[in-house]
Amino acid sequence: MNETRRELLSAFAEGPISGPALAEKLGVSRAAVWKQVEALRDDGFAIESTDDGYAITAVPDYGAAAIEYELDAPYTVEYHDSIGSTNDRARELAADGDRDVVVVADEQTGGRGRLERSWDSPPGGIWASTVLDPSLPAAHVPLVTLAAGVAVVDACRAVGVDATLKWPNDVLVDDDSEGGDVDEGDDPADDRGGRKLSGILTEMEGEADRVSWLLVGIGLNVNIAGDALPAGATSLQEQVGAVDRRAVLQTILESLSTLVADPDTVIEQWRAYSSTLGRTVRVDTGREQIEGEAVDVQFPGALVVDTDSGEQIVHAGDCEHLRPA
């Protein structure tokens, strides 16, 4: 979206405004204003001419302009009806020097999660990757993953879904069964201790003392029917019916922006939303399996597990929620 149209949407968000006032505010001709108004109408915005000037009376369901309209976060949006992977595109933008941009798609044809696992991304979900420009050392990047999880739970709870966080990067809806956790590819009849709503994939480039760029990919099942979801997954639609996908994404982006700007608040908010803490867990680090009670999360995102041989601090791994003994 070009800068003139972005400024136009910002002006509309403040209320009705006349053509001459818009032209003066944007530093363009009235003809240019009319051209951009018509372009917004073509994008699905309902814009009426009132006694007080132009006014937006309806917003399209989705798309770059719709997501940016009234978004209280410093991000620009690049939208695709379909794309292989929003993270792949975000990485290209990051390499070109772009920052604070969100790549959004209605559908991903090559979505993936941690460890290159595939991620089903049909139309109706939120598939978004945000390129950040954080001022933090590489060792603190896990904190941003936790922040993204908190932001997604904020958005889910805003529409009435009591989502929780499973360390390190899954958003779940608890159910009543007592099965254990499974990873993708295992028997889906085994329960993961909750049905999966969302996953988060963080990528970065930088050195030990400085991050050049950081991107956070979020996949959230929103308006997707149950029969289109993989086993063990759920969607906001399954939980509460169809929701305003645009508003959900805006809540995520606004919360993420606030949390990244105030990282000292992230750990405590993550603890409050966690379904891992207090549970018996098994964590596969790739070198060993650690089993015990998850008792805390420490800065910048390490899981503390109380084992038979004492507390162990786990910085990365796959975490299973186990049945009570």
C-alpha atoms as a PDB file:
ATOM      1  CA  MET A   1       0.000   0.000   0.000  1.00  0.00           C
ATOM      2  CA  ASN A   2       1.428   3.400  -0.949  1.00  0.00           C
ATOM      3  CA  GLU A   3       2.128   6.079   1.644  1.00  0.00           C
ATOM      4  CA  THR A   4      -0.598   8.444   0.402  1.00  0.00           C
ATOM      5  CA  ARG A   5      -3.273   5.800   0.858  1.00  0.00           C
ATOM      6  CA  ARG A   6      -1.865   4.916   4.283  1.00  0.00           C
ATOM      7  CA  GLU A   7      -2.060   8.568   5.362  1.00  0.00           C
ATOM      8  CA  LEU A   8      -5.566   8.777   3.922  1.00  0.00           C
ATOM      9  CA  LEU A   9      -6.714   5.830   6.035  1.00  0.00           C
ATOM     10  CA  SER A  10      -5.124   7.411   9.096  1.00  0.00           C
ATOM     11  CA  ALA A  11      -7.054  10.625   8.431  1.00  0.00           C
ATOM     12  CA  PHE A  12     -10.323   8.715   7.961  1.00  0.00           C
ATOM     13  CA  ALA A  13      -9.794   6.962  11.284  1.00  0.00           C
ATOM     14  CA  GLU A  14     -10.155  10.335  13.004  1.00  0.00           C
ATOM     15  CA  GLY A  15     -13.666  10.879  11.562  1.00  0.00           C
ATOM     16  CA  PRO A  16     -15.303  12.543   8.540  1.00  0.00           C
ATOM     17  CA  ILE A  17     -13.046  14.924   6.630  1.00  0.00           C
ATOM     18  CA  SER A  18     -13.583  17.022   3.518  1.00  0.00           C
ATOM     19  CA  GLY A  19     -11.764  16.626   0.225  1.00  0.00           C
ATOM     20  CA  PRO A  20      -9.964  20.002   0.500  1.00  0.00           C
ATOM     21  CA  ALA A  21      -8.929  19.236   4.092  1.00  0.00           C
ATOM     22  CA  LEU A  22      -7.606  15.848   3.012  1.00  0.00           C
ATOM     23  CA  ALA A  23      -5.649  17.410   0.143  1.00  0.00           C
ATOM     24  CA  GLU A  24      -4.068  19.939   2.494  1.00  0.00           C
ATOM     25  CA  LYS A  25      -3.339  17.341   5.182  1.00  0.00           C
ATOM     26  CA  LEU A  26      -1.708  14.946   2.726  1.00  0.00           C
ATOM     27  CA  GLY A  27       0.010  17.598   0.619  1.00  0.00           C
ATOM     28  CA  VAL A  28      -1.566  16.357  -2.624  1.00  0.00           C
ATOM     29  CA  SER A  29      -4.130  17.634  -5.103  1.00  0.00           C
ATOM     30  CA  ARG A  30      -7.869  17.076  -4.693  1.00  0.00           C
ATOM     31  CA  ALA A  31      -7.723  14.933  -7.817  1.00  0.00           C
ATOM     32  CA  ALA A  32      -5.148  12.721  -6.114  1.00  0.00           C
ATOM     33  CA  VAL A  33      -7.402  12.440  -3.064  1.00  0.00           C
ATOM     34  CA  TRP A  34     -10.349  11.419  -5.254  1.00  0.00           C
ATOM     35  CA  LYS A  35      -8.171   8.822  -7.008  1.00  0.00           C
ATOM     36  CA  GLN A  36      -7.127   7.265  -3.692  1.00  0.00           C
ATOM     37  CA  VAL A  37     -10.700   7.310  -2.377  1.00  0.00           C
ATOM     38  CA  GLU A  38     -11.813   5.423  -5.475  1.00  0.00           C
ATOM     39  CA  ALA A  39      -8.966   2.943  -5.017  1.00  0.00           C
ATOM     40  CA  LEU A  40     -10.114   2.286  -1.445  1.00  0.00           C
ATOM     41  CA  ARG A  41     -13.655   1.763  -2.708  1.00  0.00           C
ATOM     42  CA  ASP A  42     -12.298  -0.742  -5.218  1.00  0.00           C
ATOM     43  CA  ASP A  43     -10.597  -2.521  -2.296  1.00  0.00           C
ATOM     44  CA  GLY A  44     -13.972  -2.931  -0.576  1.00  0.00           C
ATOM     45  CA  PHE A  45     -14.214   0.144   1.669  1.00  0.00           C
ATOM     46  CA  ALA A  46     -17.609   1.834   1.787  1.00  0.00           C
ATOM     47  CA  ILE A  47     -16.872   5.575   1.702  1.00  0.00           C
ATOM     48  CA  GLU A  48     -19.732   8.028   1.731  1.00  0.00           C
ATOM     49  CA  SER A  49     -19.809  11.766   1.096  1.00  0.00           C
ATOM     50  CA  THR A  50     -21.543  13.353   4.081  1.00  0.00           C
ATOM     51  CA  ASP A  51     -22.177  16.969   5.092  1.00  0.00           C
ATOM     52  CA  ASP A  52     -18.964  16.785   7.102  1.00  0.00           C
ATOM     53  CA  GLY A  53     -16.933  15.244   4.286  1.00  0.00           C
ATOM     54  CA  TYR A  54     -15.819  11.754   3.352  1.00  0.00           C
ATOM     55  CA  ALA A  55     -16.507   9.035   5.922  1.00  0.00           C
ATOM     56  CA  ILE A  56     -15.749   5.297   5.987  1.00  0.00           C
ATOM     57  CA  THR A  57     -18.956   3.423   6.814  1.00  0.00           C
ATOM     58  CA  ALA A  58     -17.806  -0.172   6.223  1.00  0.00           C
ATOM     59  CA  VAL A  59     -14.459  -1.952   6.074  1.00  0.00           C
ATOM     60  CA  PRO A  60     -13.618  -5.052   3.985  1.00  0.00           C
ATOM     61  CA  ASP A  61     -13.167  -8.319   5.840  1.00  0.00           C
ATOM     62  CA  TYR A  62      -9.430  -8.671   5.173  1.00  0.00           C
ATOM     63  CA  GLY A  63      -6.516  -7.344   3.138  1.00  0.00           C
ATOM     64  CA  ALA A  64      -3.631  -4.916   3.663  1.00  0.00           C
ATOM     65  CA  ALA A  65      -5.681  -1.721   3.815  1.00  0.00           C
ATOM     66  CA  ALA A  66      -8.341  -3.301   6.023  1.00  0.00           C
ATOM     67  CA  ILE A  67      -5.776  -4.588   8.527  1.00  0.00           C
ATOM     68  CA  GLU A  68      -3.903  -1.282   8.653  1.00  0.00           C
ATOM     69  CA  TYR A  69      -7.094   0.750   9.108  1.00  0.00           C
ATOM     70  CA  GLU A  70      -7.335   1.718  12.809  1.00  0.00           C
ATOM     71  CA  LEU A  71      -4.361  -0.527  13.658  1.00  0.00           C
ATOM     72  CA  ASP A  72      -2.682   0.877  16.774  1.00  0.00           C
ATOM     73  CA  ALA A  73       0.754  -0.569  16.044  1.00  0.00           C
ATOM     74  CA  PRO A  74       3.670   0.702  13.903  1.00  0.00           C
ATOM     75  CA  TYR A  75       3.440  -1.979  11.212  1.00  0.00           C
ATOM     76  CA  THR A  76       2.784  -1.855   7.496  1.00  0.00           C
ATOM     77  CA  VAL A  77       1.069  -4.832   5.869  1.00  0.00           C
ATOM     78  CA  GLU A  78       1.894  -6.769   2.718  1.00  0.00           C
ATOM     79  CA  TYR A  79      -1.039  -9.013   1.805  1.00  0.00           C
ATOM     80  CA  HIS A  80      -1.252 -12.089  -0.443  1.00  0.00           C
ATOM     81  CA  ASP A  81      -4.296 -14.159  -1.317  1.00  0.00           C
ATOM     82  CA  SER A  82      -1.983 -17.177  -1.477  1.00  0.00           C
ATOM     83  CA  ILE A  83       1.729 -17.628  -0.819  1.00  0.00           C
ATOM     84  CA  GLY A  84       4.134 -20.464  -0.193  1.00  0.00           C
ATOM     85  CA  SER A  85       5.260 -19.228   3.230  1.00  0.00           C
ATOM     86  CA  THR A  86       4.845 -15.845   4.903  1.00  0.00           C
ATOM     87  CA  ASN A  87       8.103 -16.473   6.796  1.00  0.00           C
ATOM     88  CA  ASP A  88       9.981 -17.013   3.519  1.00  0.00           C
ATOM     89  CA  ARG A  89       8.640 -13.733   2.134  1.00  0.00           C
ATOM     90  CA  ALA A  90       9.343 -11.912   5.406  1.00  0.00           C
ATOM     91  CA  ARG A  91      12.938 -13.172   5.299  1.00  0.00           C
ATOM     92  CA  GLU A  92      13.324 -11.672   1.821  1.00  0.00           C
ATOM     93  CA  LEU A  93      12.020  -8.328   3.059  1.00  0.00           C
ATOM     94  CA  ALA A  94      14.308  -8.451   6.104  1.00  0.00           C
ATOM     95  CA  ALA A  95      17.335  -9.130   3.895  1.00  0.00           C
ATOM     96  CA  ASP A  96      16.372  -6.070   1.809  1.00  0.00           C
ATOM     97  CA  GLY A  97      16.352  -3.890   4.916  1.00  0.00           C
ATOM     98  CA  ASP A  98      12.604  -3.685   5.547  1.00  0.00           C
ATOM     99  CA  ARG A  99      11.502  -3.566   9.180  1.00  0.00           C
ATOM    100  CA  ASP A 100       8.176  -3.370  11.012  1.00  0.00           C
ATOM    101  CA  VAL A 101       6.329  -4.999   8.136  1.00  0.00           C
ATOM    102  CA  VAL A 102       3.818  -7.833   8.408  1.00  0.00           C
ATOM    103  CA  VAL A 103       3.412 -10.369   5.608  1.00  0.00           C
ATOM    104  CA  VAL A 104      -0.159 -11.708   5.705  1.00  0.00           C
ATOM    105  CA  ALA A 105      -1.759 -14.383   3.541  1.00  0.00           C
ATOM    106  CA  ASP A 106      -5.229 -15.861   3.301  1.00  0.00           C
ATOM    107  CA  GLU A 107      -3.611 -19.188   2.433  1.00  0.00           C
ATOM    108  CA  GLN A 108      -0.157 -20.744   2.657  1.00  0.00           C
ATOM    109  CA  THR A 109       0.763 -23.589   0.348  1.00  0.00           C
ATOM    110  CA  GLY A 110       4.056 -24.400   2.098  1.00  0.00           C
ATOM    111  CA  GLY A 111       3.510 -23.408   5.715  1.00  0.00           C
ATOM    112  CA  ARG A 112       5.820 -24.912   8.325  1.00  0.00           C
ATOM    113  CA  GLY A 113       6.377 -24.998  12.053  1.00  0.00           C
ATOM    114  CA  ARG A 114       9.350 -25.794  14.253  1.00  0.00           C
ATOM    115  CA  LEU A 115      11.900 -28.344  12.985  1.00  0.00           C
ATOM    116  CA  GLU A 116      10.539 -27.908   9.423  1.00  0.00           C
ATOM    117  CA  ARG A 117       7.279 -29.664  10.282  1.00  0.00           C
ATOM    118  CA  SER A 118       4.469 -28.920   7.852  1.00  0.00           C
ATOM    119  CA  TRP A 119       1.672 -26.605   8.940  1.00  0.00           C
ATOM    120  CA  ASP A 120      -1.754 -26.778   7.315  1.00  0.00           C
ATOM    121  CA  SER A 121      -2.714 -23.245   6.283  1.00  0.00           C
ATOM    122  CA  PRO A 122      -6.076 -23.217   4.460  1.00  0.00           C
ATOM    123  CA  PRO A 123      -8.071 -20.054   3.714  1.00  0.00           C
ATOM    124  CA  GLY A 124      -9.737 -18.525   6.746  1.00  0.00           C
ATOM    125  CA  GLY A 125      -6.814 -18.639   9.157  1.00  0.00           C
ATOM    126  CA  ILE A 126      -4.327 -15.993  10.227  1.00  0.00           C
ATOM    127  CA  TRP A 127      -0.977 -16.676   8.589  1.00  0.00           C
ATOM    128  CA  ALA A 128       1.268 -13.713   9.361  1.00  0.00           C
ATOM    129  CA  SER A 129       4.991 -13.028   9.732  1.00  0.00           C
ATOM    130  CA  THR A 130       6.231  -9.801  11.296  1.00  0.00           C
ATOM    131  CA  VAL A 131       9.715  -8.442  10.627  1.00  0.00           C
ATOM    132  CA  LEU A 132      10.928  -6.662  13.754  1.00  0.00           C
ATOM    133  CA  ASP A 133      13.901  -4.405  14.404  1.00  0.00           C
ATOM    134  CA  PRO A 134      14.518  -5.168  18.070  1.00  0.00           C
ATOM    135  CA  SER A 135      17.275  -3.695  20.195  1.00  0.00           C
ATOM    136  CA  LEU A 136      18.159  -6.854  22.095  1.00  0.00           C
ATOM    137  CA  PRO A 137      20.984  -9.403  22.098  1.00  0.00           C
ATOM    138  CA  ALA A 138      20.509 -12.721  20.341  1.00  0.00           C
ATOM    139  CA  ALA A 139      20.347 -14.586  23.657  1.00  0.00           C
ATOM    140  CA  HIS A 140      17.150 -12.709  24.514  1.00  0.00           C
ATOM    141  CA  VAL A 141      15.263 -13.673  21.337  1.00  0.00           C
ATOM    142  CA  PRO A 142      13.272 -16.459  23.102  1.00  0.00           C
ATOM    143  CA  LEU A 143      11.514 -13.686  25.010  1.00  0.00           C
ATOM    144  CA  VAL A 144       9.965 -12.490  21.734  1.00  0.00           C
ATOM    145  CA  THR A 145       8.597 -15.976  21.085  1.00  0.00           C
ATOM    146  CA  LEU A 146       6.929 -15.880  24.505  1.00  0.00           C
ATOM    147  CA  ALA A 147       5.610 -12.390  23.747  1.00  0.00           C
ATOM    148  CA  ALA A 148       4.035 -13.617  20.514  1.00  0.00           C
ATOM    149  CA  GLY A 149       2.333 -16.430  22.425  1.00  0.00           C
ATOM    150  CA  VAL A 150       0.926 -13.967  24.947  1.00  0.00           C
ATOM    151  CA  ALA A 151      -0.298 -11.737  22.097  1.00  0.00           C
ATOM    152  CA  VAL A 152      -2.139 -14.635  20.452  1.00  0.00           C
ATOM    153  CA  VAL A 153      -3.772 -15.661  23.728  1.00  0.00           C
ATOM    154  CA  ASP A 154      -4.809 -12.028  24.301  1.00  0.00           C
ATOM    155  CA  ALA A 155      -6.577 -12.081  20.922  1.00  0.00           C
ATOM    156  CA  CYS A 156      -8.201 -15.482  21.480  1.00  0.00           C
ATOM    157  CA  ARG A 157      -9.516 -14.504  24.889  1.00  0.00           C
ATOM    158  CA  ALA A 158     -10.832 -11.237  23.471  1.00  0.00           C
ATOM    159  CA  VAL A 159     -13.285 -13.285  21.361  1.00  0.00           C
ATOM    160  CA  GLY A 160     -14.216 -15.631  24.190  1.00  0.00           C
ATOM    161  CA  VAL A 161     -11.816 -18.556  23.710  1.00  0.00           C
ATOM    162  CA  ASP A 162      -9.980 -19.556  26.907  1.00  0.00           C
ATOM    163  CA  ALA A 163      -6.668 -20.331  25.219  1.00  0.00           C
ATOM    164  CA  THR A 164      -3.513 -21.274  27.121  1.00  0.00           C
ATOM    165  CA  LEU A 165       0.215 -21.492  26.393  1.00  0.00           C
ATOM    166  CA  LYS A 166       2.238 -24.694  26.162  1.00  0.00           C
ATOM    167  CA  TRP A 167       5.996 -24.171  26.340  1.00  0.00           C
ATOM    168  CA  PRO A 168       7.673 -23.075  24.200  1.00  0.00           C
ATOM    169  CA  ASN A 169       5.405 -21.913  21.367  1.00  0.00           C
ATOM    170  CA  ASP A 170       1.983 -23.594  21.170  1.00  0.00           C
ATOM    171  CA  VAL A 171      -1.417 -22.075  21.896  1.00  0.00           C
ATOM    172  CA  LEU A 172      -3.967 -24.650  23.059  1.00  0.00           C
ATOM    173  CA  VAL A 173      -7.568 -25.008  24.117  1.00  0.00           C
ATOM    174  CA  ASP A 174      -7.833 -27.430  27.019  1.00  0.00           C
ATOM    175  CA  ASP A 175     -10.222 -30.363  26.775  1.00  0.00           C
ATOM    176  CA  ASP A 176     -11.508 -32.934  29.246  1.00  0.00           C
ATOM    177  CA  SER A 177      -9.459 -35.945  28.202  1.00  0.00           C
ATOM    178  CA  GLU A 178      -6.403 -37.173  30.095  1.00  0.00           C
ATOM    179  CA  GLY A 179      -4.212 -38.256  27.207  1.00  0.00           C
ATOM    180  CA  GLY A 180      -0.580 -37.375  26.776  1.00  0.00           C
ATOM    181  CA  ASP A 181       0.977 -34.974  24.344  1.00  0.00           C
ATOM    182  CA  VAL A 182       1.993 -35.904  20.814  1.00  0.00           C
ATOM    183  CA  ASP A 183       4.093 -34.274  18.144  1.00  0.00           C
ATOM    184  CA  GLU A 184       3.114 -34.069  14.496  1.00  0.00           C
ATOM    185  CA  GLY A 185       3.341 -37.494  12.891  1.00  0.00           C
ATOM    186  CA  ASP A 186       2.414 -39.474  16.015  1.00  0.00           C
ATOM    187  CA  ASP A 187      -0.933 -41.185  16.547  1.00  0.00           C
ATOM    188  CA  PRO A 188      -3.423 -38.289  16.505  1.00  0.00           C
ATOM    189  CA  ALA A 189      -5.742 -40.277  18.798  1.00  0.00           C
ATOM    190  CA  ASP A 190      -3.251 -39.542  21.585  1.00  0.00           C
ATOM    191  CA  ASP A 191      -4.250 -36.245  23.125  1.00  0.00           C
ATOM    192  CA  ARG A 192      -1.795 -33.371  23.507  1.00  0.00           C
ATOM    193  CA  GLY A 193      -3.388 -32.127  26.731  1.00  0.00           C
ATOM    194  CA  GLY A 194      -5.368 -29.642  24.680  1.00  0.00           C
ATOM    195  CA  ARG A 195      -6.298 -28.986  21.077  1.00  0.00           C
ATOM    196  CA  LYS A 196      -3.896 -26.832  19.101  1.00  0.00           C
ATOM    197  CA  LEU A 197      -5.066 -23.388  18.003  1.00  0.00           C
ATOM    198  CA  SER A 198      -1.825 -21.739  17.027  1.00  0.00           C
ATOM    199  CA  GLY A 199       1.901 -22.175  16.584  1.00  0.00           C
ATOM    200  CA  ILE A 200       4.736 -19.653  16.462  1.00  0.00           C
ATOM    201  CA  LEU A 201       7.996 -19.792  14.524  1.00  0.00           C
ATOM    202  CA  THR A 202      10.743 -17.253  15.244  1.00  0.00           C
ATOM    203  CA  GLU A 203      13.746 -16.683  12.969  1.00  0.00           C
ATOM    204  CA  MET A 204      16.611 -14.204  13.283  1.00  0.00           C
ATOM    205  CA  GLU A 205      19.903 -12.977  11.908  1.00  0.00           C
ATOM    206  CA  GLY A 206      22.547 -11.301  13.961  1.00  0.00           C
ATOM    207  CA  GLU A 207      25.566 -11.683  16.216  1.00  0.00           C
ATOM    208  CA  ALA A 208      25.861 -12.568  19.878  1.00  0.00           C
ATOM    209  CA  ASP A 209      25.439  -8.996  21.084  1.00  0.00           C
ATOM    210  CA  ARG A 210      23.023  -7.694  18.453  1.00  0.00           C
ATOM    211  CA  VAL A 211      20.071  -8.869  16.385  1.00  0.00           C
ATOM    212  CA  SER A 212      20.013  -7.461  12.848  1.00  0.00           C
ATOM    213  CA  TRP A 213      16.461  -8.607  12.193  1.00  0.00           C
ATOM    214  CA  LEU A 214      13.941 -10.856  13.817  1.00  0.00           C
ATOM    215  CA  LEU A 215      10.803 -12.283  12.314  1.00  0.00           C
ATOM    216  CA  VAL A 216       7.901 -13.864  14.154  1.00  0.00           C
ATOM    217  CA  GLY A 217       5.614 -16.172  12.192  1.00  0.00           C
ATOM    218  CA  ILE A 218       2.169 -16.830  13.630  1.00  0.00           C
ATOM    219  CA  GLY A 219      -0.287 -19.420  12.393  1.00  0.00           C
ATOM    220  CA  LEU A 220      -3.725 -19.253  14.017  1.00  0.00           C
ATOM    221  CA  ASN A 221      -6.737 -21.339  13.033  1.00  0.00           C
ATOM    222  CA  VAL A 222      -9.554 -18.795  12.889  1.00  0.00           C
ATOM    223  CA  ASN A 223     -12.547 -19.273  10.589  1.00  0.00           C
ATOM    224  CA  ILE A 224     -11.788 -22.854   9.609  1.00  0.00           C
ATOM    225  CA  ALA A 225     -14.286 -25.714   9.894  1.00  0.00           C
ATOM    226  CA  GLY A 226     -13.341 -28.725  11.956  1.00  0.00           C
ATOM    227  CA  ASP A 227     -13.274 -31.104   8.979  1.00  0.00           C
ATOM    228  CA  ALA A 228     -10.582 -28.938   7.345  1.00  0.00           C
ATOM    229  CA  LEU A 229      -8.264 -29.172  10.361  1.00  0.00           C
ATOM    230  CA  PRO A 230      -5.664 -31.840  11.134  1.00  0.00           C
ATOM    231  CA  ALA A 231      -6.293 -34.233  14.019  1.00  0.00           C
ATOM    232  CA  GLY A 232      -5.653 -32.673  17.401  1.00  0.00           C
ATOM    233  CA  ALA A 233      -6.292 -29.122  16.176  1.00  0.00           C
ATOM    234  CA  THR A 234      -9.163 -26.713  16.686  1.00  0.00           C
ATOM    235  CA  SER A 235     -10.123 -23.232  15.502  1.00  0.00           C
ATOM    236  CA  LEU A 236     -11.768 -20.147  16.908  1.00  0.00           C
ATOM    237  CA  GLN A 237     -14.770 -20.930  14.708  1.00  0.00           C
ATOM    238  CA  GLU A 238     -15.079 -24.383  16.257  1.00  0.00           C
ATOM    239  CA  GLN A 239     -14.962 -22.864  19.721  1.00  0.00           C
ATOM    240  CA  VAL A 240     -17.233 -19.804  19.425  1.00  0.00           C
ATOM    241  CA  GLY A 241     -18.400 -19.536  15.812  1.00  0.00           C
ATOM    242  CA  ALA A 242     -17.070 -17.284  13.064  1.00  0.00           C
ATOM    243  CA  VAL A 243     -15.165 -14.214  14.290  1.00  0.00           C
ATOM    244  CA  ASP A 244     -13.825 -10.993  12.781  1.00  0.00           C
ATOM    245  CA  ARG A 245     -10.440 -12.195  11.519  1.00  0.00           C
ATOM    246  CA  ARG A 246      -9.249  -8.651  10.866  1.00  0.00           C
ATOM    247  CA  ALA A 247      -9.944  -7.616  14.473  1.00  0.00           C
ATOM    248  CA  VAL A 248      -8.219 -10.744  15.821  1.00  0.00           C
ATOM    249  CA  LEU A 249      -5.055 -10.015  13.827  1.00  0.00           C
ATOM    250  CA  GLN A 250      -5.105  -6.360  14.858  1.00  0.00           C
ATOM    251  CA  THR A 251      -5.285  -7.401  18.529  1.00  0.00           C
ATOM    252  CA  ILE A 252      -2.326  -9.747  18.039  1.00  0.00           C
ATOM    253  CA  LEU A 253      -0.212  -7.056  16.366  1.00  0.00           C
ATOM    254  CA  GLU A 254      -1.094  -4.388  18.912  1.00  0.00           C
ATOM    255  CA  SER A 255      -0.340  -6.691  21.832  1.00  0.00           C
ATOM    256  CA  LEU A 256       2.926  -7.877  20.245  1.00  0.00           C
ATOM    257  CA  SER A 257       4.050  -4.294  19.677  1.00  0.00           C
ATOM    258  CA  THR A 258       3.297  -3.368  23.297  1.00  0.00           C
ATOM    259  CA  LEU A 259       5.064  -6.429  24.719  1.00  0.00           C
ATOM    260  CA  VAL A 260       8.200  -6.063  22.569  1.00  0.00           C
ATOM    261  CA  ALA A 261       8.432  -2.425  23.677  1.00  0.00           C
ATOM    262  CA  ASP A 262       8.154  -3.456  27.357  1.00  0.00           C
ATOM    263  CA  PRO A 263       9.905  -6.851  27.609  1.00  0.00           C
ATOM    264  CA  ASP A 264      10.007  -6.807  31.421  1.00  0.00           C
ATOM    265  CA  THR A 265       6.283  -7.651  31.448  1.00  0.00           C
ATOM    266  CA  VAL A 266       6.439 -10.692  29.163  1.00  0.00           C
ATOM    267  CA  ILE A 267       7.478 -13.465  31.555  1.00  0.00           C
ATOM    268  CA  GLU A 268       4.809 -12.697  34.145  1.00  0.00           C
ATOM    269  CA  GLN A 269       2.074 -12.529  31.518  1.00  0.00           C
ATOM    270  CA  TRP A 270       3.279 -15.800  29.980  1.00  0.00           C
ATOM    271  CA  ARG A 271       3.138 -17.481  33.402  1.00  0.00           C
ATOM    272  CA  ALA A 272      -0.437 -16.291  33.870  1.00  0.00           C
ATOM    273  CA  TYR A 273      -1.526 -17.925  30.595  1.00  0.00           C
ATOM    274  CA  SER A 274       0.553 -21.097  30.907  1.00  0.00           C
ATOM    275  CA  SER A 275      -0.921 -24.607  30.928  1.00  0.00           C
ATOM    276  CA  THR A 276       2.581 -26.111  31.232  1.00  0.00           C
ATOM    277  CA  LEU A 277       3.530 -24.832  34.667  1.00  0.00           C
ATOM    278  CA  GLY A 278       2.438 -27.193  37.400  1.00  0.00           C
ATOM    279  CA  ARG A 279       2.233 -30.114  34.962  1.00  0.00           C
ATOM    280  CA  THR A 280       4.332 -33.257  34.740  1.00  0.00           C
ATOM    281  CA  VAL A 281       6.297 -32.898  31.512  1.00  0.00           C
ATOM    282  CA  ARG A 282       8.873 -34.664  29.386  1.00  0.00           C
ATOM    283  CA  VAL A 283      11.180 -32.422  27.370  1.00  0.00           C
ATOM    284  CA  ASP A 284      13.218 -33.831  24.490  1.00  0.00           C
ATOM    285  CA  THR A 285      16.218 -31.549  23.991  1.00  0.00           C
ATOM    286  CA  GLY A 286      17.643 -33.632  21.148  1.00  0.00           C
ATOM    287  CA  ARG A 287      20.436 -34.838  23.451  1.00  0.00           C
ATOM    288  CA  GLU A 288      18.402 -36.125  26.386  1.00  0.00           C
ATOM    289  CA  GLN A 289      14.893 -36.415  27.768  1.00  0.00           C
ATOM    290  CA  ILE A 290      14.131 -34.524  30.953  1.00  0.00           C
ATOM    291  CA  GLU A 291      11.088 -35.526  32.978  1.00  0.00           C
ATOM    292  CA  GLY A 292       9.571 -33.871  36.018  1.00  0.00           C
ATOM    293  CA  GLU A 293       7.270 -31.058  37.081  1.00  0.00           C
ATOM    294  CA  ALA A 294       7.441 -27.775  35.153  1.00  0.00           C
ATOM    295  CA  VAL A 295       7.742 -25.227  37.960  1.00  0.00           C
ATOM    296  CA  ASP A 296       8.691 -21.951  36.273  1.00  0.00           C
ATOM    297  CA  VAL A 297       9.827 -20.062  33.194  1.00  0.00           C
ATOM    298  CA  GLN A 298      12.948 -17.951  33.606  1.00  0.00           C
ATOM    299  CA  PHE A 299      14.191 -15.007  31.534  1.00  0.00           C
ATOM    300  CA  PRO A 300      14.499 -15.066  28.579  1.00  0.00           C
ATOM    301  CA  GLY A 301      12.233 -18.110  28.186  1.00  0.00           C
ATOM    302  CA  ALA A 302      13.873 -21.196  29.713  1.00  0.00           C
ATOM    303  CA  LEU A 303      11.681 -23.848  31.318  1.00  0.00           C
ATOM    304  CA  VAL A 304      12.555 -24.940  34.863  1.00  0.00           C
ATOM    305  CA  VAL A 305      11.813 -28.617  35.463  1.00  0.00           C
ATOM    306  CA  ASP A 306      11.905 -30.157  38.947  1.00  0.00           C
ATOM    307  CA  THR A 307      13.277 -33.685  38.408  1.00  0.00           C
ATOM    308  CA  ASP A 308      14.187 -36.519  40.763  1.00  0.00           C
ATOM    309  CA  SER A 309      17.777 -35.257  40.683  1.00  0.00           C
ATOM    310  CA  GLY A 310      16.930 -31.593  41.233  1.00  0.00           C
ATOM    311  CA  GLU A 311      15.890 -28.626  39.098  1.00  0.00           C
ATOM    312  CA  GLN A 312      17.056 -28.473  35.505  1.00  0.00           C
ATOM    313  CA  ILE A 313      16.847 -25.442  33.248  1.00  0.00           C
ATOM    314  CA  VAL A 314      15.854 -26.228  29.663  1.00  0.00           C
ATOM    315  CA  HIS A 315      16.464 -23.593  27.006  1.00  0.00           C
ATOM    316  CA  ALA A 316      15.023 -25.451  23.998  1.00  0.00           C
ATOM    317  CA  GLY A 317      13.217 -28.669  23.237  1.00  0.00           C
ATOM    318  CA  ASP A 318       9.942 -30.412  22.523  1.00  0.00           C
ATOM    319  CA  CYS A 319       7.721 -30.493  25.589  1.00  0.00           C
ATOM    320  CA  GLU A 320       5.070 -33.146  26.298  1.00  0.00           C
ATOM    321  CA  HIS A 321       2.345 -32.786  28.916  1.00  0.00           C
ATOM    322  CA  LEU A 322       2.145 -36.175  30.637  1.00  0.00           C
ATOM    323  CA  ARG A 323      -0.745 -37.931  32.337  1.00  0.00           C
ATOM    324  CA  PRO A 324      -0.817 -37.585  36.128  1.00  0.00           C
ATOM    325  CA  ALA A 325       0.769 -40.603  37.800  1.00  0.00           C
END
